[in-house]
Protein backbone atom coordinates (compact mmCIF):
# COMPACT_ATOMS: atom_id res chain seq x y z
CA MET A 1 5.28 22.28 -6.90
CA GLN A 2 7.03 21.91 -3.55
CA PRO A 3 5.64 23.86 -0.59
CA ASP A 4 8.81 25.92 -0.33
CA GLU A 5 8.88 26.89 -4.03
CA LEU A 6 7.17 29.83 -5.64
CA THR A 7 6.63 29.96 -9.39
CA GLN A 8 5.73 33.62 -9.71
CA LEU A 9 5.33 36.53 -7.33
CA GLU A 10 4.29 39.97 -8.35
CA TYR A 11 4.79 42.85 -5.98
CA LEU A 12 3.05 46.10 -6.85
CA LEU A 13 3.07 49.14 -4.67
CA SER A 14 -0.34 50.62 -4.23
CA SER A 15 -1.08 53.88 -5.96
CA ASN A 16 -3.20 54.90 -3.00
CA LEU A 17 -0.41 55.71 -0.55
CA ASN A 18 -2.61 57.68 1.84
CA GLN A 19 -3.72 54.46 3.50
CA TYR A 20 -0.17 53.97 4.89
CA PRO A 21 1.37 56.18 7.58
CA SER A 22 3.63 58.93 6.34
CA HIS A 23 6.73 57.55 8.04
CA PHE A 24 6.91 54.73 5.50
CA GLY A 25 8.49 57.37 3.25
CA LEU A 26 7.19 56.09 -0.08
CA ILE A 27 7.40 58.44 -3.02
CA HIS A 28 3.99 59.03 -4.58
CA ASN A 29 5.02 59.05 -8.20
CA ALA A 30 7.34 56.02 -8.05
CA THR A 31 5.27 52.87 -7.80
CA PRO A 32 7.57 50.15 -9.13
CA ALA A 33 6.37 46.64 -9.79
CA TYR A 34 8.71 43.76 -9.03
CA GLN A 35 8.30 40.35 -10.48
CA PHE A 36 10.09 37.24 -9.25
CA ASN A 37 10.03 34.24 -11.52
CA SER A 38 10.78 30.71 -10.38
CA LEU A 39 11.85 31.68 -6.87
CA SER A 40 13.16 28.68 -5.04
CA ASN A 41 14.54 28.36 -1.55
CA ASN A 42 17.92 29.89 -2.56
CA LEU A 43 18.36 33.17 -0.76
CA TYR A 44 21.18 34.40 -2.97
CA GLN A 45 18.71 34.86 -5.84
CA LEU A 46 16.74 37.50 -3.94
CA PRO A 47 17.49 41.13 -4.87
CA GLN A 48 19.34 43.22 -2.33
CA VAL A 49 17.38 45.31 0.14
CA GLN A 50 18.47 48.53 -1.53
CA GLU A 51 16.56 47.57 -4.68
CA PHE A 52 13.31 47.71 -2.70
CA ASN A 53 14.00 51.11 -1.11
CA PRO A 54 12.98 53.91 -3.50
CA GLN A 55 14.68 56.60 -1.34
CA SER A 56 18.16 55.08 -1.43
CA ALA A 57 19.07 56.68 -4.74
CA GLY A 58 21.30 59.70 -4.20
CA ASN A 59 20.61 60.34 -0.51
CA SER A 60 24.07 60.34 1.10
CA THR A 61 23.02 61.84 4.45
CA SER A 62 20.55 59.03 5.05
CA ASP A 63 23.31 56.56 4.08
CA GLU A 64 25.59 58.17 6.65
CA THR A 65 22.80 58.09 9.21
CA ASP A 66 22.14 54.46 8.39
CA GLU A 67 25.85 53.67 8.71
CA GLN A 68 25.94 55.53 12.03
CA GLN A 69 22.94 53.54 13.27
CA VAL A 70 24.53 50.29 12.11
CA ARG A 71 27.74 51.26 13.90
CA ILE A 72 25.80 52.05 17.09
CA ILE A 73 23.92 48.75 16.82
CA ASN A 74 27.17 46.86 16.26
CA GLU A 75 28.81 48.60 19.23
CA ARG A 76 25.84 47.68 21.42
CA LYS A 77 26.03 44.09 20.20
CA GLN A 78 29.75 44.04 20.95
CA ARG A 79 29.24 45.48 24.45
CA ARG A 80 26.41 43.04 25.10
CA MET A 81 28.56 40.15 23.88
CA ILE A 82 31.43 41.21 26.17
CA SER A 83 29.02 41.67 29.06
CA ASN A 84 27.53 38.23 28.45
CA ARG A 85 30.99 36.68 28.36
CA GLU A 86 31.91 38.35 31.64
CA SER A 87 28.62 37.27 33.19
CA ALA A 88 29.18 33.70 32.03
CA ARG A 89 32.74 33.80 33.40
CA ARG A 90 31.49 35.05 36.78
CA SER A 91 28.83 32.36 36.77
CA ARG A 92 31.44 29.68 36.03
CA MET A 93 33.64 31.05 38.82
CA ARG A 94 30.71 30.96 41.28
CA LYS A 95 29.90 27.40 40.27
CA GLN A 96 33.55 26.37 40.61
CA LYS A 97 33.79 28.02 44.03
CA HIS A 98 30.61 26.25 45.14
CA LEU A 99 31.95 22.96 43.78
CA ASP A 100 35.24 23.48 45.65
CA GLU A 101 33.34 24.21 48.87
CA LEU A 102 31.22 21.10 48.41
CA TRP A 103 34.31 19.00 47.73
CA SER A 104 35.99 20.41 50.84
CA GLN A 105 32.90 19.51 52.82
CA VAL A 106 32.96 15.97 51.38
CA VAL A 107 36.59 15.55 52.45
CA TRP A 108 35.82 16.88 55.94
CA LEU A 109 32.77 14.61 56.29
CA ARG A 110 34.76 11.58 55.15
CA ASN A 111 37.42 12.38 57.74
CA GLU A 112 34.76 12.74 60.44
CA ASN A 113 33.18 9.49 59.29
CA HIS A 114 36.51 7.64 59.58
CA GLN A 115 37.08 9.06 63.06
CA LEU A 116 33.59 8.01 64.17
CA ILE A 117 34.11 4.52 62.74
CA ASP A 118 37.41 4.27 64.65
CA LYS A 119 35.69 5.36 67.88
CA LEU A 120 32.85 2.91 67.28
CA ASN A 121 35.32 0.08 66.70
CA HIS A 122 37.19 1.01 69.90
CA VAL A 123 33.95 1.12 71.94
CA SER A 124 32.83 -2.17 70.42
CA GLU A 125 36.14 -3.81 71.32
CA SER A 126 35.91 -2.39 74.86
CA ARG A 127 32.36 -3.72 75.17
CA ASP A 128 33.39 -7.18 73.97
CA GLN A 129 36.28 -7.16 76.43
CA ALA A 130 33.97 -6.07 79.29
CA ILE A 131 31.50 -8.85 78.40
CA GLN A 132 34.31 -11.43 78.49
CA GLU A 133 35.62 -10.09 81.81
CA ASN A 134 32.08 -10.08 83.25
CA ALA A 135 31.54 -13.70 82.18
CA GLN A 136 34.89 -14.66 83.70
CA LEU A 137 34.06 -12.88 86.98
CA LYS A 138 30.65 -14.59 87.14
CA GLU A 139 32.33 -17.94 86.62
CA GLU A 140 34.87 -17.19 89.37
CA ALA A 141 32.07 -16.05 91.73
CA SER A 142 30.16 -19.26 91.02
CA GLU A 143 33.28 -21.32 91.70
CA LEU A 144 33.88 -19.44 94.97
CA ARG A 145 30.28 -20.02 96.11
CA GLN A 146 30.65 -23.69 95.30
CA MET A 147 33.87 -23.81 97.32
CA ILE A 148 32.16 -22.14 100.29
CA THR A 149 29.26 -24.55 100.06
CA ASP A 150 31.64 -27.51 99.88
CA MET A 151 33.62 -26.17 102.84
CA GLN A 152 30.48 -25.74 104.91
CA LEU A 153 29.31 -29.26 104.16
CA HIS A 154 32.63 -30.88 105.04
CA SER A 155 33.55 -28.65 107.94
CA PRO A 156 33.74 -30.00 111.51
CA TYR A 157 32.38 -26.67 112.70
CA ARG A 158 29.27 -27.00 110.67
CA SER A 159 26.96 -27.23 113.63
CA VAL A 160 28.57 -24.20 115.27
CA ILE A 161 28.12 -22.14 112.13
CA ARG A 162 24.50 -23.26 111.88
CA ASP A 163 23.88 -22.34 115.50
CA PHE A 164 25.52 -18.96 114.93
CA ASP A 165 23.35 -18.32 111.87
CA ASP A 166 20.23 -19.32 113.83
CA HIS A 167 21.21 -17.09 116.75
CA GLU A 168 21.74 -14.14 114.40
CA SER A 169 18.37 -14.73 112.79
CA CYS A 170 16.59 -14.77 116.14
CA LYS A 171 18.43 -11.69 117.27
CA ASP A 172 17.32 -9.85 114.15
CA LEU A 173 13.71 -10.94 114.78
CA THR A 174 13.65 -9.81 118.43
CA GLN A 175 15.19 -6.47 117.64
CA GLY A 176 12.68 -5.92 114.89
CA LYS A 177 9.73 -6.43 117.37
CA SER A 178 10.93 -4.06 120.06
């Protein structure tokens, strides 16, 4: 026997109905016994629910009440389903709006990034140009110093310039002592 198979099931309503609450609505004199033989996992072989309910015979007001309750339950299900759809739609709209805002921010940040890269490239080029100009100016200054040194060495007025430099040095020393 498979675990989901049942070979025989007997269902007998108890004759002592006082042990159950009164709202179960069982009739005291009708205690039917139901027997199910070779019940397998097929649900279509089960008897309908009405066969188990002893009160269903000839009670049209309870049928109408049951139908009314079923209608109310179905209406509530329908309203809940519509509400859930609307809620899901609003949620999707919020997510889409958030996604659009994030995408807009990505575009803006990419634009800012490109502008900053352009500025960085411009500053880098300016720096490279300034370094080249600085090196060129240092070379020119060195060449000019060398020219001055060469001129001083080959100048006929070399002794006069040396005397002038010495005189200026002494003058600075005497003024510093007074």
